[in-house]
Amino acid sequence: MKQSDRLLPVANVAGIMKKTIPKKAKISRDAKEMMQRAASEFIAFITCKAQDLCKLEKRKTLTGDDLVLAVEHLGMPLHADAGRRVLYRLREGHQHDQDIYIQDSGASIHWKPYQQE
């Protein structure tokens, strides 16, 4: 398998990046490619850990809960919490709700696609 086959489409990554910045802002080609590689590697890293957890339980099917648990095992509790919130919203039928809240010890981060005023 070629490395390029393992990468997310750069257009999709760029689209996500553009949603978080003002409309007039630009993103360089190298920034898009760097984020493409980083996001693809992040997904592979989490998925491998989740697959290891599934093997321990003698299961073949990877679930959203497995991914959340893998993120937590990898030392990213804030991201695991965000993953739980996303799973909850998906299960409750809020597929298009893009707000994600990450909270820990009084600090919170709220990500929402950039809104033009």
PDB file of N, CA and C in Angstrom:
ATOM      1  N   MET A   1       0.850  -1.181   0.000  1.00  0.00           N
ATOM      2  CA  MET A   1       0.000   0.000   0.000  1.00  0.00           C
ATOM      3  C   MET A   1       0.896   1.244   0.000  1.00  0.00           C
ATOM      4  N   LYS A   2       0.626   2.150  -0.927  1.00  0.00           N
ATOM      5  CA  LYS A   2       1.389   3.392  -0.985  1.00  0.00           C
ATOM      6  C   LYS A   2       1.013   4.286   0.191  1.00  0.00           C
ATOM      7  N   GLN A   3       1.985   5.107   0.618  1.00  0.00           N
ATOM      8  CA  GLN A   3       1.708   6.003   1.740  1.00  0.00           C
ATOM      9  C   GLN A   3       0.561   6.957   1.413  1.00  0.00           C
ATOM     10  N   SER A   4       0.491   7.407   0.169  1.00  0.00           N
ATOM     11  CA  SER A   4      -0.581   8.337  -0.204  1.00  0.00           C
ATOM     12  C   SER A   4      -1.962   7.697  -0.066  1.00  0.00           C
ATOM     13  N   ASP A   5      -2.029   6.364  -0.145  1.00  0.00           N
ATOM     14  CA  ASP A   5      -3.309   5.669   0.031  1.00  0.00           C
ATOM     15  C   ASP A   5      -3.762   5.668   1.483  1.00  0.00           C
ATOM     16  N   ARG A   6      -2.827   5.911   2.402  1.00  0.00           N
ATOM     17  CA  ARG A   6      -3.151   5.901   3.829  1.00  0.00           C
ATOM     18  C   ARG A   6      -3.523   7.292   4.346  1.00  0.00           C
ATOM     19  N   LEU A   7      -3.417   8.298   3.506  1.00  0.00           N
ATOM     20  CA  LEU A   7      -3.679   9.672   3.939  1.00  0.00           C
ATOM     21  C   LEU A   7      -5.121  10.073   3.659  1.00  0.00           C
ATOM     22  N   LEU A   8      -5.657  10.903   4.538  1.00  0.00           N
ATOM     23  CA  LEU A   8      -6.961  11.505   4.281  1.00  0.00           C
ATOM     24  C   LEU A   8      -6.845  12.407   3.058  1.00  0.00           C
ATOM     25  N   PRO A   9      -7.897  12.578   2.294  1.00  0.00           N
ATOM     26  CA  PRO A   9      -7.833  13.504   1.159  1.00  0.00           C
ATOM     27  C   PRO A   9      -7.520  14.920   1.641  1.00  0.00           C
ATOM     28  N   VAL A  10      -6.518  15.537   1.022  1.00  0.00           N
ATOM     29  CA  VAL A  10      -6.091  16.864   1.466  1.00  0.00           C
ATOM     30  C   VAL A  10      -7.229  17.881   1.338  1.00  0.00           C
ATOM     31  N   ALA A  11      -8.102  17.711   0.359  1.00  0.00           N
ATOM     32  CA  ALA A  11      -9.229  18.640   0.201  1.00  0.00           C
ATOM     33  C   ALA A  11     -10.168  18.564   1.404  1.00  0.00           C
ATOM     34  N   ASN A  12     -10.384  17.373   1.929  1.00  0.00           N
ATOM     35  CA  ASN A  12     -11.247  17.221   3.108  1.00  0.00           C
ATOM     36  C   ASN A  12     -10.610  17.860   4.334  1.00  0.00           C
ATOM     37  N   VAL A  13      -9.307  17.627   4.506  1.00  0.00           N
ATOM     38  CA  VAL A  13      -8.589  18.212   5.639  1.00  0.00           C
ATOM     39  C   VAL A  13      -8.614  19.735   5.532  1.00  0.00           C
ATOM     40  N   ALA A  14      -8.354  20.247   4.343  1.00  0.00           N
ATOM     41  CA  ALA A  14      -8.363  21.696   4.134  1.00  0.00           C
ATOM     42  C   ALA A  14      -9.751  22.274   4.412  1.00  0.00           C
ATOM     43  N   GLY A  15     -10.784  21.552   4.030  1.00  0.00           N
ATOM     44  CA  GLY A  15     -12.151  22.011   4.293  1.00  0.00           C
ATOM     45  C   GLY A  15     -12.429  22.147   5.779  1.00  0.00           C
ATOM     46  N   ILE A  16     -11.965  21.179   6.554  1.00  0.00           N
ATOM     47  CA  ILE A  16     -12.134  21.250   8.009  1.00  0.00           C
ATOM     48  C   ILE A  16     -11.355  22.431   8.563  1.00  0.00           C
ATOM     49  N   MET A  17     -10.122  22.599   8.093  1.00  0.00           N
ATOM     50  CA  MET A  17      -9.298  23.711   8.574  1.00  0.00           C
ATOM     51  C   MET A  17      -9.961  25.055   8.262  1.00  0.00           C
ATOM     52  N   LYS A  18     -10.514  25.179   7.057  1.00  0.00           N
ATOM     53  CA  LYS A  18     -11.126  26.446   6.641  1.00  0.00           C
ATOM     54  C   LYS A  18     -12.350  26.805   7.470  1.00  0.00           C
ATOM     55  N   LYS A  19     -13.043  25.789   7.990  1.00  0.00           N
ATOM     56  CA  LYS A  19     -14.224  26.058   8.809  1.00  0.00           C
ATOM     57  C   LYS A  19     -13.880  26.710  10.143  1.00  0.00           C
ATOM     58  N   THR A  20     -12.626  26.632  10.550  1.00  0.00           N
ATOM     59  CA  THR A  20     -12.239  27.149  11.867  1.00  0.00           C
ATOM     60  C   THR A  20     -11.585  28.522  11.809  1.00  0.00           C
ATOM     61  N   ILE A  21     -11.436  29.082  10.621  1.00  0.00           N
ATOM     62  CA  ILE A  21     -10.773  30.386  10.494  1.00  0.00           C
ATOM     63  C   ILE A  21     -11.683  31.361   9.744  1.00  0.00           C
ATOM     64  N   PRO A  22     -11.392  32.662   9.836  1.00  0.00           N
ATOM     65  CA  PRO A  22     -12.204  33.643   9.101  1.00  0.00           C
ATOM     66  C   PRO A  22     -12.175  33.379   7.590  1.00  0.00           C
ATOM     67  N   LYS A  23     -13.233  33.771   6.926  1.00  0.00           N
ATOM     68  CA  LYS A  23     -13.397  33.503   5.498  1.00  0.00           C
ATOM     69  C   LYS A  23     -12.250  34.066   4.653  1.00  0.00           C
ATOM     70  N   LYS A  24     -11.724  35.216   5.032  1.00  0.00           N
ATOM     71  CA  LYS A  24     -10.667  35.856   4.246  1.00  0.00           C
ATOM     72  C   LYS A  24      -9.282  35.284   4.534  1.00  0.00           C
ATOM     73  N   ALA A  25      -9.152  34.482   5.558  1.00  0.00           N
ATOM     74  CA  ALA A  25      -7.850  33.894   5.903  1.00  0.00           C
ATOM     75  C   ALA A  25      -7.488  32.804   4.896  1.00  0.00           C
ATOM     76  N   LYS A  26      -6.196  32.603   4.716  1.00  0.00           N
ATOM     77  CA  LYS A  26      -5.716  31.591   3.777  1.00  0.00           C
ATOM     78  C   LYS A  26      -4.869  30.564   4.512  1.00  0.00           C
ATOM     79  N   ILE A  27      -4.764  29.396   3.926  1.00  0.00           N
ATOM     80  CA  ILE A  27      -3.953  28.317   4.486  1.00  0.00           C
ATOM     81  C   ILE A  27      -2.983  27.872   3.396  1.00  0.00           C
ATOM     82  N   SER A  28      -1.696  27.849   3.719  1.00  0.00           N
ATOM     83  CA  SER A  28      -0.690  27.474   2.727  1.00  0.00           C
ATOM     84  C   SER A  28      -0.782  25.988   2.384  1.00  0.00           C
ATOM     85  N   ARG A  29      -0.247  25.644   1.225  1.00  0.00           N
ATOM     86  CA  ARG A  29      -0.255  24.249   0.777  1.00  0.00           C
ATOM     87  C   ARG A  29       0.508  23.360   1.750  1.00  0.00           C
ATOM     88  N   ASP A  30       1.672  23.845   2.231  1.00  0.00           N
ATOM     89  CA  ASP A  30       2.446  23.007   3.146  1.00  0.00           C
ATOM     90  C   ASP A  30       1.729  22.821   4.485  1.00  0.00           C
ATOM     91  N   ALA A  31       0.966  23.815   4.921  1.00  0.00           N
ATOM     92  CA  ALA A  31       0.190  23.667   6.163  1.00  0.00           C
ATOM     93  C   ALA A  31      -0.906  22.609   5.978  1.00  0.00           C
ATOM     94  N   LYS A  32      -1.551  22.617   4.825  1.00  0.00           N
ATOM     95  CA  LYS A  32      -2.590  21.615   4.539  1.00  0.00           C
ATOM     96  C   LYS A  32      -1.993  20.209   4.496  1.00  0.00           C
ATOM     97  N   GLU A  33      -0.844  20.087   3.834  1.00  0.00           N
ATOM     98  CA  GLU A  33      -0.207  18.773   3.724  1.00  0.00           C
ATOM     99  C   GLU A  33       0.303  18.281   5.074  1.00  0.00           C
ATOM    100  N   MET A  34       0.834  19.191   5.890  1.00  0.00           N
ATOM    101  CA  MET A  34       1.295  18.809   7.219  1.00  0.00           C
ATOM    102  C   MET A  34       0.123  18.323   8.067  1.00  0.00           C
ATOM    103  N   MET A  35      -0.989  19.039   8.011  1.00  0.00           N
ATOM    104  CA  MET A  35      -2.169  18.642   8.776  1.00  0.00           C
ATOM    105  C   MET A  35      -2.744  17.332   8.235  1.00  0.00           C
ATOM    106  N   GLN A  36      -2.693  17.137   6.926  1.00  0.00           N
ATOM    107  CA  GLN A  36      -3.151  15.884   6.320  1.00  0.00           C
ATOM    108  C   GLN A  36      -2.374  14.703   6.896  1.00  0.00           C
ATOM    109  N   ARG A  37      -1.063  14.834   6.963  1.00  0.00           N
ATOM    110  CA  ARG A  37      -0.223  13.751   7.493  1.00  0.00           C
ATOM    111  C   ARG A  37      -0.451  13.557   8.993  1.00  0.00           C
ATOM    112  N   ALA A  38      -0.532  14.665   9.727  1.00  0.00           N
ATOM    113  CA  ALA A  38      -0.727  14.578  11.180  1.00  0.00           C
ATOM    114  C   ALA A  38      -2.074  13.944  11.519  1.00  0.00           C
ATOM    115  N   ALA A  39      -3.130  14.377  10.845  1.00  0.00           N
ATOM    116  CA  ALA A  39      -4.468  13.835  11.119  1.00  0.00           C
ATOM    117  C   ALA A  39      -4.540  12.354  10.742  1.00  0.00           C
ATOM    118  N   SER A  40      -3.942  11.996   9.628  1.00  0.00           N
ATOM    119  CA  SER A  40      -3.942  10.597   9.197  1.00  0.00           C
ATOM    120  C   SER A  40      -3.174   9.728  10.185  1.00  0.00           C
ATOM    121  N   GLU A  41      -2.033  10.207  10.652  1.00  0.00           N
ATOM    122  CA  GLU A  41      -1.234   9.463  11.626  1.00  0.00           C
ATOM    123  C   GLU A  41      -1.975   9.331  12.954  1.00  0.00           C
ATOM    124  N   PHE A  42      -2.645  10.401  13.369  1.00  0.00           N
ATOM    125  CA  PHE A  42      -3.417  10.392  14.614  1.00  0.00           C
ATOM    126  C   PHE A  42      -4.510   9.326  14.553  1.00  0.00           C
ATOM    127  N   ILE A  43      -5.214   9.278  13.448  1.00  0.00           N
ATOM    128  CA  ILE A  43      -6.280   8.289  13.270  1.00  0.00           C
ATOM    129  C   ILE A  43      -5.708   6.870  13.311  1.00  0.00           C
ATOM    130  N   ALA A  44      -4.593   6.651  12.614  1.00  0.00           N
ATOM    131  CA  ALA A  44      -3.973   5.322  12.599  1.00  0.00           C
ATOM    132  C   ALA A  44      -3.508   4.918  13.997  1.00  0.00           C
ATOM    133  N   PHE A  45      -2.927   5.847  14.733  1.00  0.00           N
ATOM    134  CA  PHE A  45      -2.421   5.602  16.084  1.00  0.00           C
ATOM    135  C   PHE A  45      -3.554   5.177  17.015  1.00  0.00           C
ATOM    136  N   ILE A  46      -4.646   5.931  16.997  1.00  0.00           N
ATOM    137  CA  ILE A  46      -5.800   5.635  17.849  1.00  0.00           C
ATOM    138  C   ILE A  46      -6.429   4.299  17.446  1.00  0.00           C
ATOM    139  N   THR A  47      -6.566   4.080  16.148  1.00  0.00           N
ATOM    140  CA  THR A  47      -7.189   2.854  15.656  1.00  0.00           C
ATOM    141  C   THR A  47      -6.377   1.617  16.037  1.00  0.00           C
ATOM    142  N   CYS A  48      -5.053   1.711  15.949  1.00  0.00           N
ATOM    143  CA  CYS A  48      -4.200   0.572  16.342  1.00  0.00           C
ATOM    144  C   CYS A  48      -4.380   0.240  17.818  1.00  0.00           C
ATOM    145  N   LYS A  49      -4.419   1.266  18.663  1.00  0.00           N
ATOM    146  CA  LYS A  49      -4.610   1.031  20.095  1.00  0.00           C
ATOM    147  C   LYS A  49      -5.990   0.425  20.348  1.00  0.00           C
ATOM    148  N   ALA A  50      -7.009   0.945  19.684  1.00  0.00           N
ATOM    149  CA  ALA A  50      -8.365   0.409  19.850  1.00  0.00           C
ATOM    150  C   ALA A  50      -8.423  -1.053  19.396  1.00  0.00           C
ATOM    151  N   GLN A  51      -7.730  -1.368  18.312  1.00  0.00           N
ATOM    152  CA  GLN A  51      -7.705  -2.751  17.825  1.00  0.00           C
ATOM    153  C   GLN A  51      -7.026  -3.667  18.837  1.00  0.00           C
ATOM    154  N   ASP A  52      -5.958  -3.187  19.473  1.00  0.00           N
ATOM    155  CA  ASP A  52      -5.294  -3.969  20.528  1.00  0.00           C
ATOM    156  C   ASP A  52      -6.263  -4.267  21.672  1.00  0.00           C
ATOM    157  N   LEU A  53      -7.055  -3.270  22.045  1.00  0.00           N
ATOM    158  CA  LEU A  53      -8.032  -3.463  23.120  1.00  0.00           C
ATOM    159  C   LEU A  53      -9.101  -4.479  22.711  1.00  0.00           C
ATOM    160  N   CYS A  54      -9.520  -4.436  21.456  1.00  0.00           N
ATOM    161  CA  CYS A  54     -10.502  -5.415  20.957  1.00  0.00           C
ATOM    162  C   CYS A  54      -9.930  -6.827  21.005  1.00  0.00           C
ATOM    163  N   LYS A  55      -8.671  -6.977  20.614  1.00  0.00           N
ATOM    164  CA  LYS A  55      -8.038  -8.304  20.626  1.00  0.00           C
ATOM    165  C   LYS A  55      -8.005  -8.880  22.035  1.00  0.00           C
ATOM    166  N   LEU A  56      -7.756  -8.024  23.028  1.00  0.00           N
ATOM    167  CA  LEU A  56      -7.738  -8.496  24.414  1.00  0.00           C
ATOM    168  C   LEU A  56      -9.083  -9.078  24.827  1.00  0.00           C
ATOM    169  N   GLU A  57     -10.149  -8.526  24.266  1.00  0.00           N
ATOM    170  CA  GLU A  57     -11.503  -9.001  24.572  1.00  0.00           C
ATOM    171  C   GLU A  57     -11.995 -10.023  23.550  1.00  0.00           C
ATOM    172  N   LYS A  58     -11.095 -10.425  22.649  1.00  0.00           N
ATOM    173  CA  LYS A  58     -11.419 -11.419  21.620  1.00  0.00           C
ATOM    174  C   LYS A  58     -12.604 -10.985  20.748  1.00  0.00           C
ATOM    175  N   ARG A  59     -12.599  -9.708  20.404  1.00  0.00           N
ATOM    176  CA  ARG A  59     -13.635  -9.173  19.510  1.00  0.00           C
ATOM    177  C   ARG A  59     -12.980  -8.743  18.209  1.00  0.00           C
ATOM    178  N   LYS A  60     -13.754  -8.763  17.130  1.00  0.00           N
ATOM    179  CA  LYS A  60     -13.241  -8.354  15.826  1.00  0.00           C
ATOM    180  C   LYS A  60     -13.771  -7.000  15.380  1.00  0.00           C
ATOM    181  N   THR A  61     -14.890  -6.594  15.939  1.00  0.00           N
ATOM    182  CA  THR A  61     -15.527  -5.352  15.501  1.00  0.00           C
ATOM    183  C   THR A  61     -15.125  -4.194  16.404  1.00  0.00           C
ATOM    184  N   LEU A  62     -14.546  -3.187  15.792  1.00  0.00           N
ATOM    185  CA  LEU A  62     -14.127  -1.972  16.486  1.00  0.00           C
ATOM    186  C   LEU A  62     -15.326  -1.033  16.605  1.00  0.00           C
ATOM    187  N   THR A  63     -15.559  -0.488  17.785  1.00  0.00           N
ATOM    188  CA  THR A  63     -16.698   0.413  17.995  1.00  0.00           C
ATOM    189  C   THR A  63     -16.213   1.813  18.372  1.00  0.00           C
ATOM    190  N   GLY A  64     -17.125   2.742  18.375  1.00  0.00           N
ATOM    191  CA  GLY A  64     -16.819   4.093  18.836  1.00  0.00           C
ATOM    192  C   GLY A  64     -16.346   4.094  20.277  1.00  0.00           C
ATOM    193  N   ASP A  65     -16.942   3.241  21.089  1.00  0.00           N
ATOM    194  CA  ASP A  65     -16.520   3.130  22.487  1.00  0.00           C
ATOM    195  C   ASP A  65     -15.076   2.652  22.593  1.00  0.00           C
ATOM    196  N   ASP A  66     -14.669   1.753  21.689  1.00  0.00           N
ATOM    197  CA  ASP A  66     -13.282   1.288  21.676  1.00  0.00           C
ATOM    198  C   ASP A  66     -12.324   2.436  21.364  1.00  0.00           C
ATOM    199  N   LEU A  67     -12.720   3.283  20.429  1.00  0.00           N
ATOM    200  CA  LEU A  67     -11.879   4.427  20.075  1.00  0.00           C
ATOM    201  C   LEU A  67     -11.742   5.386  21.250  1.00  0.00           C
ATOM    202  N   VAL A  68     -12.838   5.649  21.937  1.00  0.00           N
ATOM    203  CA  VAL A  68     -12.802   6.535  23.102  1.00  0.00           C
ATOM    204  C   VAL A  68     -11.899   5.945  24.179  1.00  0.00           C
ATOM    205  N   LEU A  69     -12.033   4.662  24.429  1.00  0.00           N
ATOM    206  CA  LEU A  69     -11.203   4.000  25.435  1.00  0.00           C
ATOM    207  C   LEU A  69      -9.723   4.043  25.038  1.00  0.00           C
ATOM    208  N   ALA A  70      -9.437   3.861  23.760  1.00  0.00           N
ATOM    209  CA  ALA A  70      -8.057   3.936  23.275  1.00  0.00           C
ATOM    210  C   ALA A  70      -7.476   5.325  23.509  1.00  0.00           C
ATOM    211  N   VAL A  71      -8.253   6.352  23.210  1.00  0.00           N
ATOM    212  CA  VAL A  71      -7.796   7.728  23.430  1.00  0.00           C
ATOM    213  C   VAL A  71      -7.477   7.937  24.905  1.00  0.00           C
ATOM    214  N   GLU A  72      -8.323   7.419  25.764  1.00  0.00           N
ATOM    215  CA  GLU A  72      -8.095   7.544  27.202  1.00  0.00           C
ATOM    216  C   GLU A  72      -6.832   6.786  27.623  1.00  0.00           C
ATOM    217  N   HIS A  73      -6.666   5.562  27.121  1.00  0.00           N
ATOM    218  CA  HIS A  73      -5.479   4.757  27.438  1.00  0.00           C
ATOM    219  C   HIS A  73      -4.202   5.432  26.954  1.00  0.00           C
ATOM    220  N   LEU A  74      -4.302   6.217  25.900  1.00  0.00           N
ATOM    221  CA  LEU A  74      -3.133   6.906  25.350  1.00  0.00           C
ATOM    222  C   LEU A  74      -2.844   8.225  26.063  1.00  0.00           C
ATOM    223  N   GLY A  75      -3.565   8.493  27.141  1.00  0.00           N
ATOM    224  CA  GLY A  75      -3.272   9.665  27.962  1.00  0.00           C
ATOM    225  C   GLY A  75      -3.881  10.965  27.483  1.00  0.00           C
ATOM    226  N   MET A  76      -5.018  10.875  26.818  1.00  0.00           N
ATOM    227  CA  MET A  76      -5.697  12.079  26.327  1.00  0.00           C
ATOM    228  C   MET A  76      -7.117  12.138  26.882  1.00  0.00           C
ATOM    229  N   PRO A  77      -7.260  12.323  28.202  1.00  0.00           N
ATOM    230  CA  PRO A  77      -8.592  12.277  28.807  1.00  0.00           C
ATOM    231  C   PRO A  77      -9.538  13.368  28.300  1.00  0.00           C
ATOM    232  N   LEU A  78      -9.021  14.532  27.966  1.00  0.00           N
ATOM    233  CA  LEU A  78      -9.900  15.596  27.454  1.00  0.00           C
ATOM    234  C   LEU A  78     -10.497  15.198  26.106  1.00  0.00           C
ATOM    235  N   HIS A  79      -9.681  14.585  25.272  1.00  0.00           N
ATOM    236  CA  HIS A  79     -10.173  14.145  23.971  1.00  0.00           C
ATOM    237  C   HIS A  79     -11.127  12.957  24.115  1.00  0.00           C
ATOM    238  N   ALA A  80     -10.853  12.095  25.084  1.00  0.00           N
ATOM    239  CA  ALA A  80     -11.766  10.972  25.339  1.00  0.00           C
ATOM    240  C   ALA A  80     -13.130  11.499  25.767  1.00  0.00           C
ATOM    241  N   ASP A  81     -13.128  12.518  26.612  1.00  0.00           N
ATOM    242  CA  ASP A  81     -14.386  13.122  27.051  1.00  0.00           C
ATOM    243  C   ASP A  81     -15.135  13.711  25.859  1.00  0.00           C
ATOM    244  N   ALA A  82     -14.410  14.390  24.976  1.00  0.00           N
ATOM    245  CA  ALA A  82     -15.047  14.943  23.774  1.00  0.00           C
ATOM    246  C   ALA A  82     -15.608  13.817  22.911  1.00  0.00           C
ATOM    247  N   GLY A  83     -14.877  12.713  22.807  1.00  0.00           N
ATOM    248  CA  GLY A  83     -15.353  11.560  22.043  1.00  0.00           C
ATOM    249  C   GLY A  83     -16.629  10.980  22.618  1.00  0.00           C
ATOM    250  N   ARG A  84     -16.696  10.903  23.946  1.00  0.00           N
ATOM    251  CA  ARG A  84     -17.922  10.404  24.590  1.00  0.00           C
ATOM    252  C   ARG A  84     -19.104  11.308  24.264  1.00  0.00           C
ATOM    253  N   ARG A  85     -18.863  12.608  24.280  1.00  0.00           N
ATOM    254  CA  ARG A  85     -19.942  13.559  23.964  1.00  0.00           C
ATOM    255  C   ARG A  85     -20.409  13.394  22.517  1.00  0.00           C
ATOM    256  N   VAL A  86     -19.459  13.220  21.617  1.00  0.00           N
ATOM    257  CA  VAL A  86     -19.811  13.019  20.210  1.00  0.00           C
ATOM    258  C   VAL A  86     -20.618  11.731  20.051  1.00  0.00           C
ATOM    259  N   LEU A  87     -20.163  10.645  20.666  1.00  0.00           N
ATOM    260  CA  LEU A  87     -20.908   9.379  20.590  1.00  0.00           C
ATOM    261  C   LEU A  87     -22.316   9.529  21.145  1.00  0.00           C
ATOM    262  N   TYR A  88     -22.435  10.209  22.271  1.00  0.00           N
ATOM    263  CA  TYR A  88     -23.755  10.422  22.870  1.00  0.00           C
ATOM    264  C   TYR A  88     -24.659  11.168  21.892  1.00  0.00           C
ATOM    265  N   ARG A  89     -24.138  12.228  21.294  1.00  0.00           N
ATOM    266  CA  ARG A  89     -24.945  13.017  20.357  1.00  0.00           C
ATOM    267  C   ARG A  89     -25.336  12.200  19.137  1.00  0.00           C
ATOM    268  N   LEU A  90     -24.402  11.404  18.640  1.00  0.00           N
ATOM    269  CA  LEU A  90     -24.724  10.550  17.489  1.00  0.00           C
ATOM    270  C   LEU A  90     -25.819   9.554  17.840  1.00  0.00           C
ATOM    271  N   ARG A  91     -25.718   8.972  19.018  1.00  0.00           N
ATOM    272  CA  ARG A  91     -26.707   7.981  19.442  1.00  0.00           C
ATOM    273  C   ARG A  91     -28.060   8.610  19.735  1.00  0.00           C
ATOM    274  N   GLU A  92     -28.060   9.868  20.074  1.00  0.00           N
ATOM    275  CA  GLU A  92     -29.312  10.580  20.333  1.00  0.00           C
ATOM    276  C   GLU A  92     -29.883  11.197  19.060  1.00  0.00           C
ATOM    277  N   GLY A  93     -29.191  11.018  17.946  1.00  0.00           N
ATOM    278  CA  GLY A  93     -29.702  11.521  16.677  1.00  0.00           C
ATOM    279  C   GLY A  93     -29.289  12.928  16.323  1.00  0.00           C
ATOM    280  N   HIS A  94     -28.230  13.430  16.925  1.00  0.00           N
ATOM    281  CA  HIS A  94     -27.760  14.788  16.640  1.00  0.00           C
ATOM    282  C   HIS A  94     -26.520  14.741  15.751  1.00  0.00           C
ATOM    283  N   GLN A  95     -26.607  14.065  14.636  1.00  0.00           N
ATOM    284  CA  GLN A  95     -25.453  13.873  13.766  1.00  0.00           C
ATOM    285  C   GLN A  95     -24.854  15.181  13.254  1.00  0.00           C
ATOM    286  N   HIS A  96     -25.665  16.196  13.105  1.00  0.00           N
ATOM    287  CA  HIS A  96     -25.177  17.428  12.488  1.00  0.00           C
ATOM    288  C   HIS A  96     -24.814  18.498  13.502  1.00  0.00           C
ATOM    289  N   ASP A  97     -24.868  18.182  14.775  1.00  0.00           N
ATOM    290  CA  ASP A  97     -24.485  19.127  15.820  1.00  0.00           C
ATOM    291  C   ASP A  97     -22.969  19.119  15.921  1.00  0.00           C
ATOM    292  N   GLN A  98     -22.327  20.196  15.472  1.00  0.00           N
ATOM    293  CA  GLN A  98     -20.872  20.199  15.374  1.00  0.00           C
ATOM    294  C   GLN A  98     -20.170  20.806  16.581  1.00  0.00           C
ATOM    295  N   ASP A  99     -20.889  21.262  17.579  1.00  0.00           N
ATOM    296  CA  ASP A  99     -20.234  21.812  18.770  1.00  0.00           C
ATOM    297  C   ASP A  99     -19.605  20.684  19.571  1.00  0.00           C
ATOM    298  N   ILE A 100     -18.388  20.887  19.992  1.00  0.00           N
ATOM    299  CA  ILE A 100     -17.709  19.914  20.842  1.00  0.00           C
ATOM    300  C   ILE A 100     -17.168  20.654  22.051  1.00  0.00           C
ATOM    301  N   TYR A 101     -17.472  20.156  23.224  1.00  0.00           N
ATOM    302  CA  TYR A 101     -16.988  20.758  24.459  1.00  0.00           C
ATOM    303  C   TYR A 101     -15.992  19.821  25.121  1.00  0.00           C
ATOM    304  N   ILE A 102     -14.865  20.383  25.536  1.00  0.00           N
ATOM    305  CA  ILE A 102     -13.860  19.634  26.276  1.00  0.00           C
ATOM    306  C   ILE A 102     -13.686  20.353  27.600  1.00  0.00           C
ATOM    307  N   GLN A 103     -13.898  19.651  28.708  1.00  0.00           N
ATOM    308  CA  GLN A 103     -13.805  20.280  30.020  1.00  0.00           C
ATOM    309  C   GLN A 103     -12.906  19.467  30.931  1.00  0.00           C
ATOM    310  N   ASP A 104     -12.101  20.194  31.725  1.00  0.00           N
ATOM    311  CA  ASP A 104     -11.255  19.533  32.711  1.00  0.00           C
ATOM    312  C   ASP A 104     -10.845  20.559  33.750  1.00  0.00           C
ATOM    313  N   SER A 105     -11.005  20.217  34.987  1.00  0.00           N
ATOM    314  CA  SER A 105     -10.581  21.024  36.140  1.00  0.00           C
ATOM    315  C   SER A 105     -10.806  22.524  35.944  1.00  0.00           C
ATOM    316  N   GLY A 106     -12.002  22.883  35.592  1.00  0.00           N
ATOM    317  CA  GLY A 106     -12.345  24.294  35.482  1.00  0.00           C
ATOM    318  C   GLY A 106     -12.025  24.916  34.129  1.00  0.00           C
ATOM    319  N   ALA A 107     -11.133  24.314  33.368  1.00  0.00           N
ATOM    320  CA  ALA A 107     -10.802  24.852  32.048  1.00  0.00           C
ATOM    321  C   ALA A 107     -11.718  24.192  31.027  1.00  0.00           C
ATOM    322  N   SER A 108     -12.153  24.947  30.062  1.00  0.00           N
ATOM    323  CA  SER A 108     -12.970  24.327  29.022  1.00  0.00           C
ATOM    324  C   SER A 108     -12.602  24.909  27.670  1.00  0.00           C
ATOM    325  N   ILE A 109     -12.753  24.091  26.665  1.00  0.00           N
ATOM    326  CA  ILE A 109     -12.494  24.494  25.293  1.00  0.00           C
ATOM    327  C   ILE A 109     -13.776  24.223  24.529  1.00  0.00           C
ATOM    328  N   HIS A 110     -14.201  25.179  23.747  1.00  0.00           N
ATOM    329  CA  HIS A 110     -15.402  24.996  22.932  1.00  0.00           C
ATOM    330  C   HIS A 110     -14.994  25.197  21.487  1.00  0.00           C
ATOM    331  N   TRP A 111     -15.128  24.137  20.682  1.00  0.00           N
ATOM    332  CA  TRP A 111     -14.823  24.240  19.273  1.00  0.00           C
ATOM    333  C   TRP A 111     -16.120  24.269  18.508  1.00  0.00           C
ATOM    334  N   LYS A 112     -16.207  25.222  17.620  1.00  0.00           N
ATOM    335  CA  LYS A 112     -17.369  25.332  16.758  1.00  0.00           C
ATOM    336  C   LYS A 112     -16.865  25.870  15.429  1.00  0.00           C
ATOM    337  N   PRO A 113     -17.372  25.406  14.316  1.00  0.00           N
ATOM    338  CA  PRO A 113     -16.941  25.971  13.047  1.00  0.00           C
ATOM    339  C   PRO A 113     -17.063  27.482  13.067  1.00  0.00           C
ATOM    340  N   TYR A 114     -16.104  28.166  12.439  1.00  0.00           N
ATOM    341  CA  TYR A 114     -16.053  29.623  12.460  1.00  0.00           C
ATOM    342  C   TYR A 114     -17.351  30.197  11.919  1.00  0.00           C
ATOM    343  N   GLN A 115     -17.899  31.139  12.643  1.00  0.00           N
ATOM    344  CA  GLN A 115     -19.149  31.787  12.248  1.00  0.00           C
ATOM    345  C   GLN A 115     -18.861  33.195  11.734  1.00  0.00           C
ATOM    346  N   GLN A 116     -19.277  33.482  10.529  1.00  0.00           N
ATOM    347  CA  GLN A 116     -19.118  34.829   9.980  1.00  0.00           C
ATOM    348  C   GLN A 116     -20.133  35.756  10.622  1.00  0.00           C
ATOM    349  N   GLU A 117     -19.699  36.966  10.893  1.00  0.00           N
ATOM    350  CA  GLU A 117     -20.622  37.939  11.505  1.00  0.00           C
ATOM    351  C   GLU A 117     -21.198  38.870  10.472  1.00  0.00           C
TER     352      GLU A 117
END
